[in-house]
Amino acid sequence: MKVAVNYSVEAKKLLSSSAIEIDLFKCPDFSMELIQDGTEIKPSYIHFGLKAGNDQMKNIDWGLIRDLQSQTQTPYINVHAVAMAKHYPEYDVETSQPSHISEMTDAILRDIEILDGEIGAEKVIIENVICRGQGENMMKAAIDPEVLSNIVKKTGCGFLLDTAHAQMSSKSLGFDVKEYISRLPVDQLKELHITGIQPDSKGRLRDSMPMTEEDWELAFWVLKKIKNGEWQEPWVAALEYGGVGPAFEWRSDEAVLAKQVPEFYEMVKGAR
């Protein structure tokens, strides 16, 4: 299992001075210049902003996707399984009606069918997103373990587990995060994302924050399941802290990276 961290100016500086060690940078898909900057010192792979379930796939530049993949070490094309509340205004965000769930599942499957035709389902991984419940933008069906497991089974795609997304959904909706994760399609786990979660000034949880004791404990539990052979071992585990652009530059603290990247590296690479 390789270890990655979000590309940032701070992470590159620390890597250049041998203050941290990683196998790869995880880069966003919006800047080839940024990707090339990262690969000057370490190989990079791409995390795409693709969404299945909102009819986005008809407008994708597949040539660009293939170019980004071929120029980096990106074995899988990731896609976020979504059901946006704005597309289902007449339904309760937490609806459990089978017909509603079926409608949302079918929308996700239609988009993944396009991905299958362009990329091949065996090279696609589906990521769990965040549902915060009433008044928010994501329908609960999109994060339902049974829905995600059925989609993975029907399509032949792999699964990308984001522990922070799972934590935020669990805390928002009031269920146990470990029980929730265990019901996800972890038998098809291909990639793992781990980062801290913290409330903003209004109490709304957000991810890509420094790891807390609770975050480390969950990460340890997940990695133990993988190393014990209970779950499939992913090709990479990424610490999703830091980054570039206005949304991430303010949370790219060099001191946090210097302390937490080595701890993460040791946790992932440690003896089974």
C-alpha atoms as a PDB file:
ATOM      1  CA  MET A   1       0.000   0.000   0.000  1.00  0.00           C
ATOM      2  CA  LYS A   2       1.501   3.314  -1.084  1.00  0.00           C
ATOM      3  CA  VAL A   3       1.274   6.521   0.947  1.00  0.00           C
ATOM      4  CA  ALA A   4       0.200   9.837  -0.569  1.00  0.00           C
ATOM      5  CA  VAL A   5      -0.543  13.344   0.658  1.00  0.00           C
ATOM      6  CA  ASN A   6      -2.363  16.211  -1.026  1.00  0.00           C
ATOM      7  CA  TYR A   7       0.038  18.260  -3.101  1.00  0.00           C
ATOM      8  CA  SER A   8       0.825  21.629  -1.551  1.00  0.00           C
ATOM      9  CA  VAL A   9       3.714  24.074  -1.644  1.00  0.00           C
ATOM     10  CA  GLU A  10       4.328  23.271   2.016  1.00  0.00           C
ATOM     11  CA  ALA A  11       4.388  19.507   1.479  1.00  0.00           C
ATOM     12  CA  LYS A  12       6.792  19.877  -1.449  1.00  0.00           C
ATOM     13  CA  LYS A  13       9.108  22.029   0.682  1.00  0.00           C
ATOM     14  CA  LEU A  14       9.105  19.471   3.495  1.00  0.00           C
ATOM     15  CA  LEU A  15       9.725  16.623   1.072  1.00  0.00           C
ATOM     16  CA  SER A  16      12.622  18.513  -0.550  1.00  0.00           C
ATOM     17  CA  SER A  17      14.286  18.878   2.842  1.00  0.00           C
ATOM     18  CA  SER A  18      13.623  15.199   3.740  1.00  0.00           C
ATOM     19  CA  ALA A  19      11.441  16.276   6.660  1.00  0.00           C
ATOM     20  CA  ILE A  20       8.676  13.946   5.439  1.00  0.00           C
ATOM     21  CA  GLU A  21       8.503  10.843   3.260  1.00  0.00           C
ATOM     22  CA  ILE A  22       5.713   9.766   0.901  1.00  0.00           C
ATOM     23  CA  ASP A  23       5.367   7.635  -2.214  1.00  0.00           C
ATOM     24  CA  LEU A  24       3.110   9.963  -4.208  1.00  0.00           C
ATOM     25  CA  PHE A  25       1.455  13.334  -4.353  1.00  0.00           C
ATOM     26  CA  LYS A  26      -2.318  13.322  -4.755  1.00  0.00           C
ATOM     27  CA  CYS A  27      -3.178  16.133  -7.161  1.00  0.00           C
ATOM     28  CA  PRO A  28      -6.447  17.764  -8.251  1.00  0.00           C
ATOM     29  CA  ASP A  29      -7.426  17.645 -11.910  1.00  0.00           C
ATOM     30  CA  PHE A  30      -7.624  21.361 -12.677  1.00  0.00           C
ATOM     31  CA  SER A  31      -3.980  22.300 -13.346  1.00  0.00           C
ATOM     32  CA  MET A  32      -1.389  20.494 -15.431  1.00  0.00           C
ATOM     33  CA  GLU A  33       1.167  23.065 -14.271  1.00  0.00           C
ATOM     34  CA  LEU A  34       0.503  22.097 -10.671  1.00  0.00           C
ATOM     35  CA  ILE A  35       0.743  18.396 -11.500  1.00  0.00           C
ATOM     36  CA  GLN A  36       4.063  18.914 -13.288  1.00  0.00           C
ATOM     37  CA  ASP A  37       5.323  20.927 -10.330  1.00  0.00           C
ATOM     38  CA  GLY A  38       4.571  18.021  -8.029  1.00  0.00           C
ATOM     39  CA  THR A  39       6.180  15.416 -10.269  1.00  0.00           C
ATOM     40  CA  GLU A  40       9.471  17.302 -10.184  1.00  0.00           C
ATOM     41  CA  ILE A  41      10.133  15.659  -6.850  1.00  0.00           C
ATOM     42  CA  LYS A  42       7.683  12.732  -6.532  1.00  0.00           C
ATOM     43  CA  PRO A  43       5.307  10.802  -8.806  1.00  0.00           C
ATOM     44  CA  SER A  44       1.733  12.071  -8.737  1.00  0.00           C
ATOM     45  CA  TYR A  45      -1.725  10.661  -9.258  1.00  0.00           C
ATOM     46  CA  ILE A  46      -4.947  12.494 -10.025  1.00  0.00           C
ATOM     47  CA  HIS A  47      -8.099  12.800  -7.975  1.00  0.00           C
ATOM     48  CA  PHE A  48     -10.907  13.792 -10.316  1.00  0.00           C
ATOM     49  CA  GLY A  49     -13.961  15.899  -9.513  1.00  0.00           C
ATOM     50  CA  LEU A  50     -16.302  13.612 -11.447  1.00  0.00           C
ATOM     51  CA  LYS A  51     -19.820  12.986 -10.151  1.00  0.00           C
ATOM     52  CA  ALA A  52     -22.200  10.174 -11.088  1.00  0.00           C
ATOM     53  CA  GLY A  53     -25.875  10.867 -10.563  1.00  0.00           C
ATOM     54  CA  ASN A  54     -26.192  14.482 -11.705  1.00  0.00           C
ATOM     55  CA  ASP A  55     -26.055  13.929 -15.478  1.00  0.00           C
ATOM     56  CA  GLN A  56     -22.551  15.415 -15.629  1.00  0.00           C
ATOM     57  CA  MET A  57     -20.964  12.715 -17.758  1.00  0.00           C
ATOM     58  CA  LYS A  58     -22.362  14.028 -21.039  1.00  0.00           C
ATOM     59  CA  ASN A  59     -20.159  17.119 -20.772  1.00  0.00           C
ATOM     60  CA  ILE A  60     -16.806  15.556 -19.840  1.00  0.00           C
ATOM     61  CA  ASP A  61     -13.635  16.039 -21.918  1.00  0.00           C
ATOM     62  CA  TRP A  62     -12.593  12.401 -22.037  1.00  0.00           C
ATOM     63  CA  GLY A  63      -9.460  13.207 -24.015  1.00  0.00           C
ATOM     64  CA  LEU A  64      -8.257  15.382 -21.136  1.00  0.00           C
ATOM     65  CA  ILE A  65      -9.096  12.655 -18.628  1.00  0.00           C
ATOM     66  CA  ARG A  66      -7.020  10.144 -20.582  1.00  0.00           C
ATOM     67  CA  ASP A  67      -4.140  12.599 -20.984  1.00  0.00           C
ATOM     68  CA  LEU A  68      -4.034  13.305 -17.251  1.00  0.00           C
ATOM     69  CA  GLN A  69      -4.144   9.604 -16.484  1.00  0.00           C
ATOM     70  CA  SER A  70      -1.429   8.673 -18.972  1.00  0.00           C
ATOM     71  CA  GLN A  71       0.940  11.410 -17.759  1.00  0.00           C
ATOM     72  CA  THR A  72       0.648  10.397 -14.096  1.00  0.00           C
ATOM     73  CA  GLN A  73       0.515   7.271 -11.978  1.00  0.00           C
ATOM     74  CA  THR A  74      -3.287   7.106 -11.869  1.00  0.00           C
ATOM     75  CA  PRO A  75      -4.539   3.494 -12.056  1.00  0.00           C
ATOM     76  CA  TYR A  76      -8.204   4.346 -11.408  1.00  0.00           C
ATOM     77  CA  ILE A  77     -10.614   7.098 -12.382  1.00  0.00           C
ATOM     78  CA  ASN A  78     -12.540   8.103  -9.276  1.00  0.00           C
ATOM     79  CA  VAL A  79     -16.142   9.246  -9.312  1.00  0.00           C
ATOM     80  CA  HIS A  80     -18.355  10.528  -6.496  1.00  0.00           C
ATOM     81  CA  ALA A  81     -21.757   8.827  -6.281  1.00  0.00           C
ATOM     82  CA  VAL A  82     -24.224  11.681  -5.716  1.00  0.00           C
ATOM     83  CA  ALA A  83     -27.923  12.421  -5.430  1.00  0.00           C
ATOM     84  CA  MET A  84     -28.279  16.182  -5.148  1.00  0.00           C
ATOM     85  CA  ALA A  85     -31.281  17.489  -3.221  1.00  0.00           C
ATOM     86  CA  LYS A  86     -31.915  20.179  -5.848  1.00  0.00           C
ATOM     87  CA  HIS A  87     -32.632  17.438  -8.388  1.00  0.00           C
ATOM     88  CA  TYR A  88     -35.248  15.837  -6.106  1.00  0.00           C
ATOM     89  CA  PRO A  89     -37.080  18.856  -4.611  1.00  0.00           C
ATOM     90  CA  GLU A  90     -40.267  16.922  -3.886  1.00  0.00           C
ATOM     91  CA  TYR A  91     -38.501  14.240  -1.846  1.00  0.00           C
ATOM     92  CA  ASP A  92     -37.400  14.365   1.759  1.00  0.00           C
ATOM     93  CA  VAL A  93     -33.579  14.391   1.972  1.00  0.00           C
ATOM     94  CA  GLU A  94     -33.710  11.295   4.174  1.00  0.00           C
ATOM     95  CA  THR A  95     -36.388   9.467   2.181  1.00  0.00           C
ATOM     96  CA  SER A  96     -36.484   5.715   2.553  1.00  0.00           C
ATOM     97  CA  GLN A  97     -39.161   5.149  -0.100  1.00  0.00           C
ATOM     98  CA  PRO A  98     -37.945   2.275  -2.333  1.00  0.00           C
ATOM     99  CA  SER A  99     -39.159   4.025  -5.493  1.00  0.00           C
ATOM    100  CA  HIS A 100     -37.230   7.187  -4.597  1.00  0.00           C
ATOM    101  CA  ILE A 101     -34.059   5.274  -3.815  1.00  0.00           C
ATOM    102  CA  SER A 102     -34.402   3.284  -7.020  1.00  0.00           C
ATOM    103  CA  GLU A 103     -34.749   6.500  -9.034  1.00  0.00           C
ATOM    104  CA  MET A 104     -31.578   7.957  -7.536  1.00  0.00           C
ATOM    105  CA  THR A 105     -29.667   4.707  -7.913  1.00  0.00           C
ATOM    106  CA  ASP A 106     -30.658   4.472 -11.578  1.00  0.00           C
ATOM    107  CA  ALA A 107     -29.370   8.008 -12.179  1.00  0.00           C
ATOM    108  CA  ILE A 108     -25.984   7.050 -10.713  1.00  0.00           C
ATOM    109  CA  LEU A 109     -25.896   3.846 -12.751  1.00  0.00           C
ATOM    110  CA  ARG A 110     -26.658   5.714 -15.993  1.00  0.00           C
ATOM    111  CA  ASP A 111     -23.663   7.971 -15.483  1.00  0.00           C
ATOM    112  CA  ILE A 112     -21.391   5.084 -14.550  1.00  0.00           C
ATOM    113  CA  GLU A 113     -22.489   3.308 -17.725  1.00  0.00           C
ATOM    114  CA  ILE A 114     -21.001   6.241 -19.662  1.00  0.00           C
ATOM    115  CA  LEU A 115     -17.802   5.939 -17.649  1.00  0.00           C
ATOM    116  CA  ASP A 116     -17.734   2.229 -18.400  1.00  0.00           C
ATOM    117  CA  GLY A 117     -17.960   2.920 -22.120  1.00  0.00           C
ATOM    118  CA  GLU A 118     -15.187   5.521 -22.003  1.00  0.00           C
ATOM    119  CA  ILE A 119     -12.816   4.095 -19.411  1.00  0.00           C
ATOM    120  CA  GLY A 120     -13.926   0.583 -18.496  1.00  0.00           C
ATOM    121  CA  ALA A 121     -15.700  -0.128 -15.210  1.00  0.00           C
ATOM    122  CA  GLU A 122     -12.757  -2.148 -13.896  1.00  0.00           C
ATOM    123  CA  LYS A 123     -10.722   1.098 -13.910  1.00  0.00           C
ATOM    124  CA  VAL A 124     -13.384   3.144 -12.089  1.00  0.00           C
ATOM    125  CA  ILE A 125     -13.687   3.594  -8.312  1.00  0.00           C
ATOM    126  CA  ILE A 126     -16.757   4.984  -6.554  1.00  0.00           C
ATOM    127  CA  GLU A 127     -16.289   7.256  -3.537  1.00  0.00           C
ATOM    128  CA  ASN A 128     -18.685   7.728  -0.626  1.00  0.00           C
ATOM    129  CA  VAL A 129     -19.739  11.358  -0.220  1.00  0.00           C
ATOM    130  CA  ILE A 130     -21.174  13.360   2.712  1.00  0.00           C
ATOM    131  CA  CYS A 131     -24.798  13.604   3.784  1.00  0.00           C
ATOM    132  CA  ARG A 132     -25.531  16.079   6.553  1.00  0.00           C
ATOM    133  CA  GLY A 133     -29.290  15.582   6.598  1.00  0.00           C
ATOM    134  CA  GLN A 134     -32.138  18.072   6.483  1.00  0.00           C
ATOM    135  CA  GLY A 135     -31.549  21.398   4.779  1.00  0.00           C
ATOM    136  CA  GLU A 136     -28.371  20.217   3.092  1.00  0.00           C
ATOM    137  CA  ASN A 137     -27.448  19.377  -0.487  1.00  0.00           C
ATOM    138  CA  MET A 138     -27.065  15.578  -0.516  1.00  0.00           C
ATOM    139  CA  MET A 139     -29.782  12.937  -0.373  1.00  0.00           C
ATOM    140  CA  LYS A 140     -29.235  10.202   2.199  1.00  0.00           C
ATOM    141  CA  ALA A 141     -29.671   7.506  -0.472  1.00  0.00           C
ATOM    142  CA  ALA A 142     -26.312   8.512  -1.995  1.00  0.00           C
ATOM    143  CA  ILE A 143     -24.433   7.367   1.109  1.00  0.00           C
ATOM    144  CA  ASP A 144     -26.559   4.311   1.913  1.00  0.00           C
ATOM    145  CA  PRO A 145     -24.277   1.255   2.243  1.00  0.00           C
ATOM    146  CA  GLU A 146     -26.769  -1.029   0.494  1.00  0.00           C
ATOM    147  CA  VAL A 147     -27.096   1.406  -2.411  1.00  0.00           C
ATOM    148  CA  LEU A 148     -23.327   1.793  -2.785  1.00  0.00           C
ATOM    149  CA  SER A 149     -22.740  -1.949  -2.469  1.00  0.00           C
ATOM    150  CA  ASN A 150     -25.365  -2.687  -5.118  1.00  0.00           C
ATOM    151  CA  ILE A 151     -23.845  -0.101  -7.472  1.00  0.00           C
ATOM    152  CA  VAL A 152     -20.362  -1.548  -7.047  1.00  0.00           C
ATOM    153  CA  LYS A 153     -21.688  -5.074  -7.602  1.00  0.00           C
ATOM    154  CA  LYS A 154     -23.786  -4.185 -10.651  1.00  0.00           C
ATOM    155  CA  THR A 155     -21.127  -2.121 -12.378  1.00  0.00           C
ATOM    156  CA  GLY A 156     -17.966  -4.039 -11.536  1.00  0.00           C
ATOM    157  CA  CYS A 157     -16.339  -0.836 -10.244  1.00  0.00           C
ATOM    158  CA  GLY A 158     -14.088  -0.640  -7.212  1.00  0.00           C
ATOM    159  CA  PHE A 159     -14.666   1.372  -4.032  1.00  0.00           C
ATOM    160  CA  LEU A 160     -12.882   4.431  -2.617  1.00  0.00           C
ATOM    161  CA  LEU A 161     -13.399   4.807   1.132  1.00  0.00           C
ATOM    162  CA  ASP A 162     -13.189   8.333   2.533  1.00  0.00           C
ATOM    163  CA  THR A 163     -13.162   8.013   6.317  1.00  0.00           C
ATOM    164  CA  ALA A 164     -13.773  11.732   6.903  1.00  0.00           C
ATOM    165  CA  HIS A 165     -16.871  11.631   4.693  1.00  0.00           C
ATOM    166  CA  ALA A 166     -18.070   8.601   6.642  1.00  0.00           C
ATOM    167  CA  GLN A 167     -17.428  10.366   9.967  1.00  0.00           C
ATOM    168  CA  MET A 168     -19.254  13.515   8.932  1.00  0.00           C
ATOM    169  CA  SER A 169     -22.253  11.585   7.642  1.00  0.00           C
ATOM    170  CA  SER A 170     -22.369   9.469  10.790  1.00  0.00           C
ATOM    171  CA  LYS A 171     -22.147  12.417  13.174  1.00  0.00           C
ATOM    172  CA  SER A 172     -24.713  14.401  11.187  1.00  0.00           C
ATOM    173  CA  LEU A 173     -27.227  11.567  10.926  1.00  0.00           C
ATOM    174  CA  GLY A 174     -26.608   9.949  14.303  1.00  0.00           C
ATOM    175  CA  PHE A 175     -25.224   6.516  13.545  1.00  0.00           C
ATOM    176  CA  ASP A 176     -22.063   4.602  14.495  1.00  0.00           C
ATOM    177  CA  VAL A 177     -19.243   5.284  12.039  1.00  0.00           C
ATOM    178  CA  LYS A 178     -17.534   1.910  12.378  1.00  0.00           C
ATOM    179  CA  GLU A 179     -20.764   0.004  11.845  1.00  0.00           C
ATOM    180  CA  TYR A 180     -21.499   2.238   8.869  1.00  0.00           C
ATOM    181  CA  ILE A 181     -18.088   1.733   7.241  1.00  0.00           C
ATOM    182  CA  SER A 182     -18.261  -2.023   7.807  1.00  0.00           C
ATOM    183  CA  ARG A 183     -21.434  -2.151   5.697  1.00  0.00           C
ATOM    184  CA  LEU A 184     -19.827  -0.326   2.766  1.00  0.00           C
ATOM    185  CA  PRO A 185     -18.331  -2.409  -0.122  1.00  0.00           C
ATOM    186  CA  VAL A 186     -14.940  -2.738   1.589  1.00  0.00           C
ATOM    187  CA  ASP A 187     -14.424  -6.121  -0.106  1.00  0.00           C
ATOM    188  CA  GLN A 188     -13.796  -4.074  -3.262  1.00  0.00           C
ATOM    189  CA  LEU A 189     -11.648  -1.380  -1.617  1.00  0.00           C
ATOM    190  CA  LYS A 190      -9.172   0.139  -4.098  1.00  0.00           C
ATOM    191  CA  GLU A 191      -8.229   3.486  -2.517  1.00  0.00           C
ATOM    192  CA  LEU A 192      -8.348   5.011   0.955  1.00  0.00           C
ATOM    193  CA  HIS A 193      -8.636   8.680   1.982  1.00  0.00           C
ATOM    194  CA  ILE A 194      -8.036   9.766   5.570  1.00  0.00           C
ATOM    195  CA  THR A 195      -8.074  13.245   7.088  1.00  0.00           C
ATOM    196  CA  GLY A 196      -9.281  15.121  10.122  1.00  0.00           C
ATOM    197  CA  ILE A 197     -12.690  16.700  10.633  1.00  0.00           C
ATOM    198  CA  GLN A 198     -13.485  19.759  12.731  1.00  0.00           C
ATOM    199  CA  PRO A 199     -16.451  22.127  13.116  1.00  0.00           C
ATOM    200  CA  ASP A 200     -16.295  25.603  11.614  1.00  0.00           C
ATOM    201  CA  SER A 201     -17.325  28.744  13.526  1.00  0.00           C
ATOM    202  CA  LYS A 202     -20.983  27.808  13.033  1.00  0.00           C
ATOM    203  CA  GLY A 203     -20.515  24.195  14.145  1.00  0.00           C
ATOM    204  CA  ARG A 204     -20.746  22.745  10.636  1.00  0.00           C
ATOM    205  CA  LEU A 205     -18.298  19.888  10.182  1.00  0.00           C
ATOM    206  CA  ARG A 206     -15.669  20.120   7.458  1.00  0.00           C
ATOM    207  CA  ASP A 207     -12.873  17.817   6.362  1.00  0.00           C
ATOM    208  CA  SER A 208      -9.257  18.257   5.180  1.00  0.00           C
ATOM    209  CA  MET A 209      -8.413  19.432   8.689  1.00  0.00           C
ATOM    210  CA  PRO A 210      -5.593  18.326  11.028  1.00  0.00           C
ATOM    211  CA  MET A 211      -6.054  14.872  12.516  1.00  0.00           C
ATOM    212  CA  THR A 212      -7.448  14.668  16.041  1.00  0.00           C
ATOM    213  CA  GLU A 213      -7.185  11.766  18.458  1.00  0.00           C
ATOM    214  CA  GLU A 214     -10.615  10.560  17.301  1.00  0.00           C
ATOM    215  CA  ASP A 215      -9.511  10.700  13.648  1.00  0.00           C
ATOM    216  CA  TRP A 216      -6.327   8.745  14.373  1.00  0.00           C
ATOM    217  CA  GLU A 217      -8.279   6.095  16.258  1.00  0.00           C
ATOM    218  CA  LEU A 218     -10.634   5.571  13.327  1.00  0.00           C
ATOM    219  CA  ALA A 219      -7.716   5.476  10.877  1.00  0.00           C
ATOM    220  CA  PHE A 220      -5.970   2.848  13.003  1.00  0.00           C
ATOM    221  CA  TRP A 221      -9.137   0.738  13.115  1.00  0.00           C
ATOM    222  CA  VAL A 222      -9.561   0.913   9.323  1.00  0.00           C
ATOM    223  CA  LEU A 223      -5.918   0.044   8.641  1.00  0.00           C
ATOM    224  CA  LYS A 224      -6.092  -2.847  11.102  1.00  0.00           C
ATOM    225  CA  LYS A 225      -9.061  -4.287   9.200  1.00  0.00           C
ATOM    226  CA  ILE A 226      -7.040  -4.037   5.989  1.00  0.00           C
ATOM    227  CA  LYS A 227      -3.833  -5.469   7.408  1.00  0.00           C
ATOM    228  CA  ASN A 228      -5.703  -8.333   9.064  1.00  0.00           C
ATOM    229  CA  GLY A 229      -7.073  -9.281   5.652  1.00  0.00           C
ATOM    230  CA  GLU A 230     -10.687  -8.589   6.622  1.00  0.00           C
ATOM    231  CA  TRP A 231     -10.959  -5.927   3.913  1.00  0.00           C
ATOM    232  CA  GLN A 232      -9.292  -5.679   0.540  1.00  0.00           C
ATOM    233  CA  GLU A 233      -5.990  -3.798   0.575  1.00  0.00           C
ATOM    234  CA  PRO A 234      -6.130  -0.570  -1.471  1.00  0.00           C
ATOM    235  CA  TRP A 235      -3.316   0.503  -3.774  1.00  0.00           C
ATOM    236  CA  VAL A 236      -2.857   3.805  -1.897  1.00  0.00           C
ATOM    237  CA  ALA A 237      -3.781   5.499   1.370  1.00  0.00           C
ATOM    238  CA  ALA A 238      -3.869   9.290   1.074  1.00  0.00           C
ATOM    239  CA  LEU A 239      -3.710  11.854   3.857  1.00  0.00           C
ATOM    240  CA  GLU A 240      -6.038  14.544   2.501  1.00  0.00           C
ATOM    241  CA  TYR A 241      -4.590  17.484   4.394  1.00  0.00           C
ATOM    242  CA  GLY A 242      -3.294  20.615   2.692  1.00  0.00           C
ATOM    243  CA  GLY A 243      -3.592  21.660  -0.910  1.00  0.00           C
ATOM    244  CA  VAL A 244      -3.677  24.582  -3.289  1.00  0.00           C
ATOM    245  CA  GLY A 245      -6.199  27.270  -4.178  1.00  0.00           C
ATOM    246  CA  PRO A 246      -8.386  29.419  -1.898  1.00  0.00           C
ATOM    247  CA  ALA A 247     -10.290  26.450  -0.473  1.00  0.00           C
ATOM    248  CA  PHE A 248      -7.158  24.675   0.789  1.00  0.00           C
ATOM    249  CA  GLU A 249      -4.208  27.060   1.074  1.00  0.00           C
ATOM    250  CA  TRP A 250      -5.315  28.280   4.510  1.00  0.00           C
ATOM    251  CA  ARG A 251      -5.297  24.692   5.796  1.00  0.00           C
ATOM    252  CA  SER A 252      -1.819  23.792   4.538  1.00  0.00           C
ATOM    253  CA  ASP A 253       0.040  24.408   7.768  1.00  0.00           C
ATOM    254  CA  GLU A 254       3.650  23.328   7.402  1.00  0.00           C
ATOM    255  CA  ALA A 255       3.924  22.444  11.095  1.00  0.00           C
ATOM    256  CA  VAL A 256       0.870  20.164  10.870  1.00  0.00           C
ATOM    257  CA  LEU A 257       2.281  18.430   7.800  1.00  0.00           C
ATOM    258  CA  ALA A 258       5.714  18.030   9.416  1.00  0.00           C
ATOM    259  CA  LYS A 259       4.163  16.303  12.414  1.00  0.00           C
ATOM    260  CA  GLN A 260       1.266  14.332  10.941  1.00  0.00           C
ATOM    261  CA  VAL A 261       2.632  13.061   7.603  1.00  0.00           C
ATOM    262  CA  PRO A 262       5.387  10.990   9.314  1.00  0.00           C
ATOM    263  CA  GLU A 263       2.838   9.645  11.798  1.00  0.00           C
ATOM    264  CA  PHE A 264       0.524   8.698   8.945  1.00  0.00           C
ATOM    265  CA  TYR A 265       3.368   7.146   6.943  1.00  0.00           C
ATOM    266  CA  GLU A 266       4.407   4.999   9.903  1.00  0.00           C
ATOM    267  CA  MET A 267       0.805   3.942  10.584  1.00  0.00           C
ATOM    268  CA  VAL A 268       0.266   2.809   6.992  1.00  0.00           C
ATOM    269  CA  LYS A 269       3.680   1.247   6.463  1.00  0.00           C
ATOM    270  CA  GLY A 270       3.960  -0.288   9.939  1.00  0.00           C
ATOM    271  CA  ALA A 271       4.263  -3.998  10.485  1.00  0.00           C
ATOM    272  CA  ARG A 272       1.154  -6.080   9.979  1.00  0.00           C
END
